[in-house]
C-alpha atoms as a PDB file:
ATOM      1  CA  UNK A   1     -53.858  15.954 -84.668  1.00  0.00           C
ATOM      2  CA  UNK A   2     -56.695  14.028 -86.482  1.00  0.00           C
ATOM      3  CA  UNK A   3     -56.033  10.729 -87.773  1.00  0.00           C
ATOM      4  CA  UNK A   4     -57.448   9.919 -91.242  1.00  0.00           C
ATOM      5  CA  UNK A   5     -57.371   6.286 -90.884  1.00  0.00           C
ATOM      6  CA  UNK A   6     -59.785   6.675 -87.919  1.00  0.00           C
ATOM      7  CA  UNK A   7     -62.156   8.725 -90.088  1.00  0.00           C
ATOM      8  CA  UNK A   8     -62.256   6.373 -93.223  1.00  0.00           C
ATOM      9  CA  UNK A   9     -64.754   3.774 -91.775  1.00  0.00           C
ATOM     10  CA  UNK A  10     -67.189   6.360 -90.728  1.00  0.00           C
ATOM     11  CA  UNK A  11     -67.016   7.912 -94.310  1.00  0.00           C
ATOM     12  CA  UNK A  12     -67.428   4.419 -95.849  1.00  0.00           C
ATOM     13  CA  UNK A  13     -70.568   3.837 -93.486  1.00  0.00           C
ATOM     14  CA  UNK A  14     -72.178   6.591 -95.261  1.00  0.00           C
ATOM     15  CA  UNK A  15     -70.499   6.820 -98.637  1.00  0.00           C
ATOM     16  CA  UNK A  16     -69.707   3.089 -99.044  1.00  0.00           C
ATOM     17  CA  UNK A  17     -71.126   2.113-102.234  1.00  0.00           C
ATOM     18  CA  UNK A  18     -72.008   2.958-105.875  1.00  0.00           C
ATOM     19  CA  UNK A  19     -74.917   5.664-106.495  1.00  0.00           C
ATOM     20  CA  UNK A  20     -76.187   7.209-109.764  1.00  0.00           C
ATOM     21  CA  UNK A  21     -79.317   8.792-108.769  1.00  0.00           C
ATOM     22  CA  UNK A  22     -80.832  11.078-111.202  1.00  0.00           C
ATOM     23  CA  UNK A  23     -82.004  13.313-108.498  1.00  0.00           C
ATOM     24  CA  UNK A  24     -78.311  13.910-107.152  1.00  0.00           C
ATOM     25  CA  UNK A  25     -76.650  16.791-109.103  1.00  0.00           C
ATOM     26  CA  UNK A  26     -73.115  14.996-108.253  1.00  0.00           C
ATOM     27  CA  UNK A  27     -74.082  12.394-110.824  1.00  0.00           C
ATOM     28  CA  UNK A  28     -72.123   8.963-110.816  1.00  0.00           C
ATOM     29  CA  UNK A  29     -70.645   8.466-107.212  1.00  0.00           C
ATOM     30  CA  UNK A  30     -68.567   5.497-105.636  1.00  0.00           C
ATOM     31  CA  UNK A  31     -67.756   5.781-102.065  1.00  0.00           C
ATOM     32  CA  UNK A  32     -68.427   9.629-101.891  1.00  0.00           C
ATOM     33  CA  UNK A  33     -66.206  10.338-104.960  1.00  0.00           C
ATOM     34  CA  UNK A  34     -67.855  11.683-107.873  1.00  0.00           C
ATOM     35  CA  UNK A  35     -66.988  11.068-111.595  1.00  0.00           C
ATOM     36  CA  UNK A  36     -66.100  14.652-111.709  1.00  0.00           C
ATOM     37  CA  UNK A  37     -63.838  14.516-108.612  1.00  0.00           C
ATOM     38  CA  UNK A  38     -62.102  11.440-110.253  1.00  0.00           C
ATOM     39  CA  UNK A  39     -61.541  12.895-113.459  1.00  0.00           C
ATOM     40  CA  UNK A  40     -59.920  15.755-111.852  1.00  0.00           C
ATOM     41  CA  UNK A  41     -57.857  13.492-109.955  1.00  0.00           C
ATOM     42  CA  UNK A  42     -56.732  11.347-112.704  1.00  0.00           C
ATOM     43  CA  UNK A  43     -55.732  14.344-114.698  1.00  0.00           C
ATOM     44  CA  UNK A  44     -53.616  15.647-111.856  1.00  0.00           C
ATOM     45  CA  UNK A  45     -51.818  12.077-111.689  1.00  0.00           C
ATOM     46  CA  UNK A  46     -51.340  11.695-115.426  1.00  0.00           C
ATOM     47  CA  UNK A  47     -54.045   8.823-115.506  1.00  0.00           C
ATOM     48  CA  UNK A  48     -56.363   7.809-118.258  1.00  0.00           C
ATOM     49  CA  UNK A  49     -59.695   9.934-117.919  1.00  0.00           C
ATOM     50  CA  UNK A  50     -62.009   7.633-116.059  1.00  0.00           C
ATOM     51  CA  UNK A  51     -65.385   6.279-117.175  1.00  0.00           C
ATOM     52  CA  UNK A  52     -68.314   5.083-114.825  1.00  0.00           C
ATOM     53  CA  UNK A  53     -66.881   1.558-115.017  1.00  0.00           C
ATOM     54  CA  UNK A  54     -63.498   2.642-113.858  1.00  0.00           C
ATOM     55  CA  UNK A  55     -64.995   4.790-111.082  1.00  0.00           C
ATOM     56  CA  UNK A  56     -67.006   1.810-109.863  1.00  0.00           C
ATOM     57  CA  UNK A  57     -63.742  -0.129-109.712  1.00  0.00           C
ATOM     58  CA  UNK A  58     -61.636   2.742-108.080  1.00  0.00           C
ATOM     59  CA  UNK A  59     -58.793   0.976-105.935  1.00  0.00           C
ATOM     60  CA  UNK A  60     -58.956   1.583-102.444  1.00  0.00           C
ATOM     61  CA  UNK A  61     -55.517   3.044-102.663  1.00  0.00           C
ATOM     62  CA  UNK A  62     -56.737   5.599-105.209  1.00  0.00           C
ATOM     63  CA  UNK A  63     -59.739   6.454-102.944  1.00  0.00           C
ATOM     64  CA  UNK A  64     -57.867   7.132 -99.800  1.00  0.00           C
ATOM     65  CA  UNK A  65     -55.322   9.227-102.016  1.00  0.00           C
ATOM     66  CA  UNK A  66     -58.415  11.247-103.127  1.00  0.00           C
ATOM     67  CA  UNK A  67     -59.792  11.419 -99.511  1.00  0.00           C
ATOM     68  CA  UNK A  68     -56.400  12.597 -98.506  1.00  0.00           C
ATOM     69  CA  UNK A  69     -55.247  15.180-101.191  1.00  0.00           C
ATOM     70  CA  UNK A  70     -58.594  16.285-102.289  1.00  0.00           C
ATOM     71  CA  UNK A  71     -60.453  16.609 -99.300  1.00  0.00           C
ATOM     72  CA  UNK A  72     -58.664  16.196 -96.112  1.00  0.00           C
ATOM     73  CA  UNK A  73     -55.665  18.466 -96.949  1.00  0.00           C
ATOM     74  CA  UNK A  74     -58.174  21.214 -98.347  1.00  0.00           C
ATOM     75  CA  UNK A  75     -59.837  21.173 -94.880  1.00  0.00           C
ATOM     76  CA  UNK A  76     -56.487  21.474 -93.065  1.00  0.00           C
ATOM     77  CA  UNK A  77     -57.884  18.488 -91.130  1.00  0.00           C
ATOM     78  CA  UNK A  78     -54.230  17.639 -89.808  1.00  0.00           C
ATOM     79  CA  UNK A  79     -54.949  20.572 -87.504  1.00  0.00           C
ATOM     80  CA  UNK A  80     -58.062  19.318 -85.897  1.00  0.00           C
ATOM     81  CA  UNK A  81     -57.583  17.716 -82.526  1.00  0.00           C
ATOM     82  CA  UNK A  82     -59.134  14.348 -82.188  1.00  0.00           C
END
């Protein structure tokens, strides 16, 4: 079974910071999480609608929960052999 904790450093190596490139259709992005994804996550969790400022300040805990619940689980990554 794959271990999400082992993947996190690799993701952060490539997606580790803030981006708001006008040529990137994803728009404002922090650590690979777009504002649209963060907005959907906050709505699911009953949190206030985020802004670019709150996305920039996303907690590691929220970021990891987004990775797990909105990506990892969708990929059924727990079924991948390391």
